[in-house]
C-alpha cells in the first residue's frame, strides 16, 4: 500500500475499495461464498486476510480473535438480513423491492464490518503468521483451498493496472 493517509471517512478506506474490486474478480465470489456456506467463514474477515496478504502483512492469532469477537454482534445482524434476503429471493418477482432493500442493507452492514477491520489495520498489531494460513486454520480450509485462494489473489494482482496502489 502506498498511501498511508487515513481516509476522511472510516467507511471510505483502502480495504473497502480492495474488497469491492477483489470480490468482482473471476472466481473470488464463488470461493468466498462457498467458504461462508460450507465452513461458516466470515467473508469480511477473509477479505481482510486477502488484503493483508496483498500488502505483505502478517496477522496474529490475538489480532484475529479481537477482530472476530469485535465483529460478532454485527455479524449476527448480517446473517439475519442475509437469511431474510435469501428467503425473499425465492418469492421473486413479487418481492423484488424488499429483496433489493435487504441486499443494500446487508452490503452496508458488511461495509461497516470492513470499516471496523480497517481500524484494526491502522493499529500496530504484531503479526506472526501469513494471513491466508491463519484464516485457513480458523475456518479449517484444506491446503488445496488455501492454495486456490492464493491463486485468486495472484490472478487479481496480475489484472490490476497499478498493483502498488492496492
C-alpha atoms as a PDB file:
ATOM      1  CA  UNK A   1       0.000   0.000   0.000  1.00  0.00           C
ATOM      2  CA  UNK A   2       1.491   3.307  -0.991  1.00  0.00           C
ATOM      3  CA  UNK A   3      -0.768   5.864   0.712  1.00  0.00           C
ATOM      4  CA  UNK A   4      -0.969   5.522   4.480  1.00  0.00           C
ATOM      5  CA  UNK A   5      -3.025   8.683   4.950  1.00  0.00           C
ATOM      6  CA  UNK A   6      -6.213   7.839   6.871  1.00  0.00           C
ATOM      7  CA  UNK A   7      -9.312   8.422   4.754  1.00  0.00           C
ATOM      8  CA  UNK A   8     -11.757  11.138   5.781  1.00  0.00           C
ATOM      9  CA  UNK A   9     -14.484   8.558   6.433  1.00  0.00           C
ATOM     10  CA  UNK A  10     -13.895   5.206   8.083  1.00  0.00           C
ATOM     11  CA  UNK A  11     -16.327   3.712   5.553  1.00  0.00           C
ATOM     12  CA  UNK A  12     -14.173   5.046   2.698  1.00  0.00           C
ATOM     13  CA  UNK A  13     -10.912   3.186   3.063  1.00  0.00           C
ATOM     14  CA  UNK A  14      -8.482   1.105   1.004  1.00  0.00           C
ATOM     15  CA  UNK A  15      -9.798  -2.169   2.486  1.00  0.00           C
ATOM     16  CA  UNK A  16     -13.323  -1.370   1.264  1.00  0.00           C
ATOM     17  CA  UNK A  17     -12.117  -0.494  -2.236  1.00  0.00           C
ATOM     18  CA  UNK A  18      -9.901  -3.583  -2.384  1.00  0.00           C
ATOM     19  CA  UNK A  19     -12.817  -5.738  -1.226  1.00  0.00           C
ATOM     20  CA  UNK A  20     -15.125  -4.398  -3.940  1.00  0.00           C
ATOM     21  CA  UNK A  21     -12.523  -4.931  -6.650  1.00  0.00           C
ATOM     22  CA  UNK A  22     -11.292  -8.315  -5.428  1.00  0.00           C
ATOM     23  CA  UNK A  23     -14.814  -9.701  -4.874  1.00  0.00           C
ATOM     24  CA  UNK A  24     -15.666  -8.909  -8.507  1.00  0.00           C
ATOM     25  CA  UNK A  25     -12.602 -10.767  -9.798  1.00  0.00           C
ATOM     26  CA  UNK A  26     -13.357 -14.045 -11.542  1.00  0.00           C
ATOM     27  CA  UNK A  27     -13.793 -16.930  -9.104  1.00  0.00           C
ATOM     28  CA  UNK A  28     -13.479 -14.897  -5.901  1.00  0.00           C
ATOM     29  CA  UNK A  29     -17.195 -14.509  -5.143  1.00  0.00           C
ATOM     30  CA  UNK A  30     -17.820 -18.244  -5.643  1.00  0.00           C
ATOM     31  CA  UNK A  31     -14.845 -19.183  -3.465  1.00  0.00           C
ATOM     32  CA  UNK A  32     -15.740 -16.821  -0.613  1.00  0.00           C
ATOM     33  CA  UNK A  33     -19.431 -17.727  -0.629  1.00  0.00           C
ATOM     34  CA  UNK A  34     -18.556 -21.427  -0.649  1.00  0.00           C
ATOM     35  CA  UNK A  35     -16.325 -20.878   2.398  1.00  0.00           C
ATOM     36  CA  UNK A  36     -19.145 -18.936   4.045  1.00  0.00           C
ATOM     37  CA  UNK A  37     -21.802 -21.544   3.328  1.00  0.00           C
ATOM     38  CA  UNK A  38     -19.759 -24.709   3.940  1.00  0.00           C
ATOM     39  CA  UNK A  39     -17.258 -23.579   6.596  1.00  0.00           C
ATOM     40  CA  UNK A  40     -19.102 -20.787   8.369  1.00  0.00           C
ATOM     41  CA  UNK A  41     -16.412 -18.352   7.283  1.00  0.00           C
ATOM     42  CA  UNK A  42     -16.893 -14.620   7.649  1.00  0.00           C
ATOM     43  CA  UNK A  43     -16.387 -13.153   4.165  1.00  0.00           C
ATOM     44  CA  UNK A  44     -15.321  -9.808   5.656  1.00  0.00           C
ATOM     45  CA  UNK A  45     -12.559 -11.492   7.667  1.00  0.00           C
ATOM     46  CA  UNK A  46     -11.470 -13.412   4.584  1.00  0.00           C
ATOM     47  CA  UNK A  47     -11.351 -10.162   2.592  1.00  0.00           C
ATOM     48  CA  UNK A  48      -9.282  -8.631   5.404  1.00  0.00           C
ATOM     49  CA  UNK A  49      -6.878 -11.576   5.281  1.00  0.00           C
ATOM     50  CA  UNK A  50      -6.708 -11.248   1.491  1.00  0.00           C
ATOM     51  CA  UNK A  51      -5.883  -7.561   1.807  1.00  0.00           C
ATOM     52  CA  UNK A  52      -3.216  -8.294   4.418  1.00  0.00           C
ATOM     53  CA  UNK A  53      -1.687 -10.903   2.096  1.00  0.00           C
ATOM     54  CA  UNK A  54      -1.651  -8.454  -0.833  1.00  0.00           C
ATOM     55  CA  UNK A  55       0.037  -5.832   1.365  1.00  0.00           C
ATOM     56  CA  UNK A  56       2.573  -8.357   2.637  1.00  0.00           C
ATOM     57  CA  UNK A  57       1.337  -8.110   6.229  1.00  0.00           C
ATOM     58  CA  UNK A  58       1.142 -10.981   8.628  1.00  0.00           C
ATOM     59  CA  UNK A  59      -1.602 -11.382  11.220  1.00  0.00           C
ATOM     60  CA  UNK A  60      -1.510 -12.650  14.767  1.00  0.00           C
ATOM     61  CA  UNK A  61      -3.901 -15.096  16.368  1.00  0.00           C
ATOM     62  CA  UNK A  62      -4.593 -12.480  19.037  1.00  0.00           C
ATOM     63  CA  UNK A  63      -5.442  -9.843  16.425  1.00  0.00           C
ATOM     64  CA  UNK A  64      -7.686 -12.329  14.638  1.00  0.00           C
ATOM     65  CA  UNK A  65      -9.526 -13.153  17.877  1.00  0.00           C
ATOM     66  CA  UNK A  66     -10.026  -9.472  18.671  1.00  0.00           C
ATOM     67  CA  UNK A  67     -11.373  -8.835  15.166  1.00  0.00           C
ATOM     68  CA  UNK A  68     -13.592 -11.912  15.218  1.00  0.00           C
ATOM     69  CA  UNK A  69     -15.072 -11.098  18.638  1.00  0.00           C
ATOM     70  CA  UNK A  70     -15.490  -7.427  17.818  1.00  0.00           C
ATOM     71  CA  UNK A  71     -17.418  -8.219  14.646  1.00  0.00           C
ATOM     72  CA  UNK A  72     -19.665 -10.858  16.216  1.00  0.00           C
ATOM     73  CA  UNK A  73     -22.672  -8.643  17.096  1.00  0.00           C
ATOM     74  CA  UNK A  74     -22.892  -7.061  13.655  1.00  0.00           C
ATOM     75  CA  UNK A  75     -22.156 -10.445  12.032  1.00  0.00           C
ATOM     76  CA  UNK A  76     -25.322 -11.818  13.659  1.00  0.00           C
ATOM     77  CA  UNK A  77     -27.295  -8.942  12.110  1.00  0.00           C
ATOM     78  CA  UNK A  78     -25.721  -9.601   8.711  1.00  0.00           C
ATOM     79  CA  UNK A  79     -26.609 -13.291   8.918  1.00  0.00           C
ATOM     80  CA  UNK A  80     -30.228 -12.441   9.830  1.00  0.00           C
ATOM     81  CA  UNK A  81     -30.541  -9.991   6.944  1.00  0.00           C
ATOM     82  CA  UNK A  82     -28.872 -12.498   4.581  1.00  0.00           C
ATOM     83  CA  UNK A  83     -31.348 -15.218   5.578  1.00  0.00           C
ATOM     84  CA  UNK A  84     -34.249 -12.838   5.027  1.00  0.00           C
ATOM     85  CA  UNK A  85     -32.844 -11.738   1.654  1.00  0.00           C
ATOM     86  CA  UNK A  86     -32.397 -15.333   0.528  1.00  0.00           C
ATOM     87  CA  UNK A  87     -35.936 -16.184   1.639  1.00  0.00           C
ATOM     88  CA  UNK A  88     -37.334 -13.178  -0.223  1.00  0.00           C
ATOM     89  CA  UNK A  89     -35.315 -14.206  -3.269  1.00  0.00           C
ATOM     90  CA  UNK A  90     -37.343 -17.396  -3.509  1.00  0.00           C
ATOM     91  CA  UNK A  91     -40.522 -15.387  -3.995  1.00  0.00           C
ATOM     92  CA  UNK A  92     -39.323 -13.047  -6.712  1.00  0.00           C
ATOM     93  CA  UNK A  93     -40.640 -11.263  -8.728  1.00  0.00           C
ATOM     94  CA  UNK A  94     -43.252 -10.486  -6.047  1.00  0.00           C
ATOM     95  CA  UNK A  95     -40.618  -9.437  -3.512  1.00  0.00           C
ATOM     96  CA  UNK A  96     -38.130  -7.594  -5.730  1.00  0.00           C
ATOM     97  CA  UNK A  97     -38.303  -4.235  -3.924  1.00  0.00           C
ATOM     98  CA  UNK A  98     -37.955  -5.692  -0.438  1.00  0.00           C
ATOM     99  CA  UNK A  99     -35.262  -8.107  -1.658  1.00  0.00           C
ATOM    100  CA  UNK A 100     -33.242  -5.201  -3.093  1.00  0.00           C
ATOM    101  CA  UNK A 101     -33.657  -3.216   0.143  1.00  0.00           C
ATOM    102  CA  UNK A 102     -32.335  -6.192   2.146  1.00  0.00           C
ATOM    103  CA  UNK A 103     -29.460  -6.600  -0.279  1.00  0.00           C
ATOM    104  CA  UNK A 104     -28.442  -2.924   0.119  1.00  0.00           C
ATOM    105  CA  UNK A 105     -28.757  -3.151   3.910  1.00  0.00           C
ATOM    106  CA  UNK A 106     -26.652  -6.310   4.015  1.00  0.00           C
ATOM    107  CA  UNK A 107     -23.970  -4.634   1.887  1.00  0.00           C
ATOM    108  CA  UNK A 108     -23.980  -1.589   4.153  1.00  0.00           C
ATOM    109  CA  UNK A 109     -23.543  -3.799   7.231  1.00  0.00           C
ATOM    110  CA  UNK A 110     -20.634  -5.538   5.525  1.00  0.00           C
ATOM    111  CA  UNK A 111     -19.154  -2.144   4.697  1.00  0.00           C
ATOM    112  CA  UNK A 112     -19.318  -1.247   8.386  1.00  0.00           C
ATOM    113  CA  UNK A 113     -17.590  -4.558   9.203  1.00  0.00           C
ATOM    114  CA  UNK A 114     -14.796  -3.726   6.799  1.00  0.00           C
ATOM    115  CA  UNK A 115     -14.515  -0.204   8.265  1.00  0.00           C
ATOM    116  CA  UNK A 116     -14.009  -1.782  11.705  1.00  0.00           C
ATOM    117  CA  UNK A 117     -11.370  -4.106  10.255  1.00  0.00           C
ATOM    118  CA  UNK A 118      -9.676  -1.144   8.587  1.00  0.00           C
ATOM    119  CA  UNK A 119      -9.312   0.483  12.012  1.00  0.00           C
ATOM    120  CA  UNK A 120      -7.546  -2.678  13.173  1.00  0.00           C
ATOM    121  CA  UNK A 121      -5.255  -2.398  10.125  1.00  0.00           C
ATOM    122  CA  UNK A 122      -4.229   1.057  11.313  1.00  0.00           C
ATOM    123  CA  UNK A 123      -3.192  -0.258  14.722  1.00  0.00           C
ATOM    124  CA  UNK A 124       0.205  -1.815  15.291  1.00  0.00           C
ATOM    125  CA  UNK A 125      -0.646  -5.491  15.845  1.00  0.00           C
ATOM    126  CA  UNK A 126       2.426  -7.674  15.701  1.00  0.00           C
ATOM    127  CA  UNK A 127       1.766 -10.324  13.071  1.00  0.00           C
ATOM    128  CA  UNK A 128       3.474 -13.671  13.158  1.00  0.00           C
ATOM    129  CA  UNK A 129       1.565 -15.779  10.618  1.00  0.00           C
ATOM    130  CA  UNK A 130       0.821 -15.430   6.929  1.00  0.00           C
ATOM    131  CA  UNK A 131      -2.720 -14.044   6.697  1.00  0.00           C
ATOM    132  CA  UNK A 132      -4.128 -16.771   4.441  1.00  0.00           C
ATOM    133  CA  UNK A 133      -2.624 -19.514   6.575  1.00  0.00           C
ATOM    134  CA  UNK A 134      -4.118 -18.038   9.754  1.00  0.00           C
ATOM    135  CA  UNK A 135      -7.549 -17.558   8.179  1.00  0.00           C
ATOM    136  CA  UNK A 136      -7.365 -21.028   6.675  1.00  0.00           C
ATOM    137  CA  UNK A 137      -6.666 -22.527  10.089  1.00  0.00           C
ATOM    138  CA  UNK A 138      -9.549 -20.608  11.647  1.00  0.00           C
ATOM    139  CA  UNK A 139     -12.004 -21.990   9.095  1.00  0.00           C
ATOM    140  CA  UNK A 140     -10.498 -25.427   8.589  1.00  0.00           C
ATOM    141  CA  UNK A 141      -9.614 -24.819   4.948  1.00  0.00           C
ATOM    142  CA  UNK A 142      -7.667 -27.608   3.349  1.00  0.00           C
ATOM    143  CA  UNK A 143      -4.240 -26.756   1.972  1.00  0.00           C
ATOM    144  CA  UNK A 144      -5.569 -27.077  -1.592  1.00  0.00           C
ATOM    145  CA  UNK A 145      -8.240 -24.463  -0.763  1.00  0.00           C
ATOM    146  CA  UNK A 146      -5.606 -22.123   0.654  1.00  0.00           C
ATOM    147  CA  UNK A 147      -3.527 -22.606  -2.493  1.00  0.00           C
ATOM    148  CA  UNK A 148      -6.617 -21.855  -4.614  1.00  0.00           C
ATOM    149  CA  UNK A 149      -7.246 -18.694  -2.551  1.00  0.00           C
ATOM    150  CA  UNK A 150      -3.635 -17.588  -3.015  1.00  0.00           C
ATOM    151  CA  UNK A 151      -4.040 -18.212  -6.751  1.00  0.00           C
ATOM    152  CA  UNK A 152      -7.131 -15.998  -6.842  1.00  0.00           C
ATOM    153  CA  UNK A 153      -5.164 -13.218  -5.166  1.00  0.00           C
ATOM    154  CA  UNK A 154      -2.250 -13.684  -7.555  1.00  0.00           C
ATOM    155  CA  UNK A 155      -4.600 -13.604 -10.547  1.00  0.00           C
ATOM    156  CA  UNK A 156      -6.299 -10.482  -9.203  1.00  0.00           C
ATOM    157  CA  UNK A 157      -2.998  -8.689  -8.652  1.00  0.00           C
ATOM    158  CA  UNK A 158      -1.876  -9.591 -12.166  1.00  0.00           C
ATOM    159  CA  UNK A 159      -5.043  -7.954 -13.519  1.00  0.00           C
ATOM    160  CA  UNK A 160      -4.615  -4.699 -11.577  1.00  0.00           C
ATOM    161  CA  UNK A 161      -3.185  -1.868 -13.637  1.00  0.00           C
ATOM    162  CA  UNK A 162      -1.219  -0.381 -10.733  1.00  0.00           C
ATOM    163  CA  UNK A 163      -0.544  -3.080  -8.107  1.00  0.00           C
ATOM    164  CA  UNK A 164       1.312  -0.587  -5.886  1.00  0.00           C
ATOM    165  CA  UNK A 165      -1.913   1.386  -5.487  1.00  0.00           C
ATOM    166  CA  UNK A 166      -3.664  -1.539  -3.803  1.00  0.00           C
END
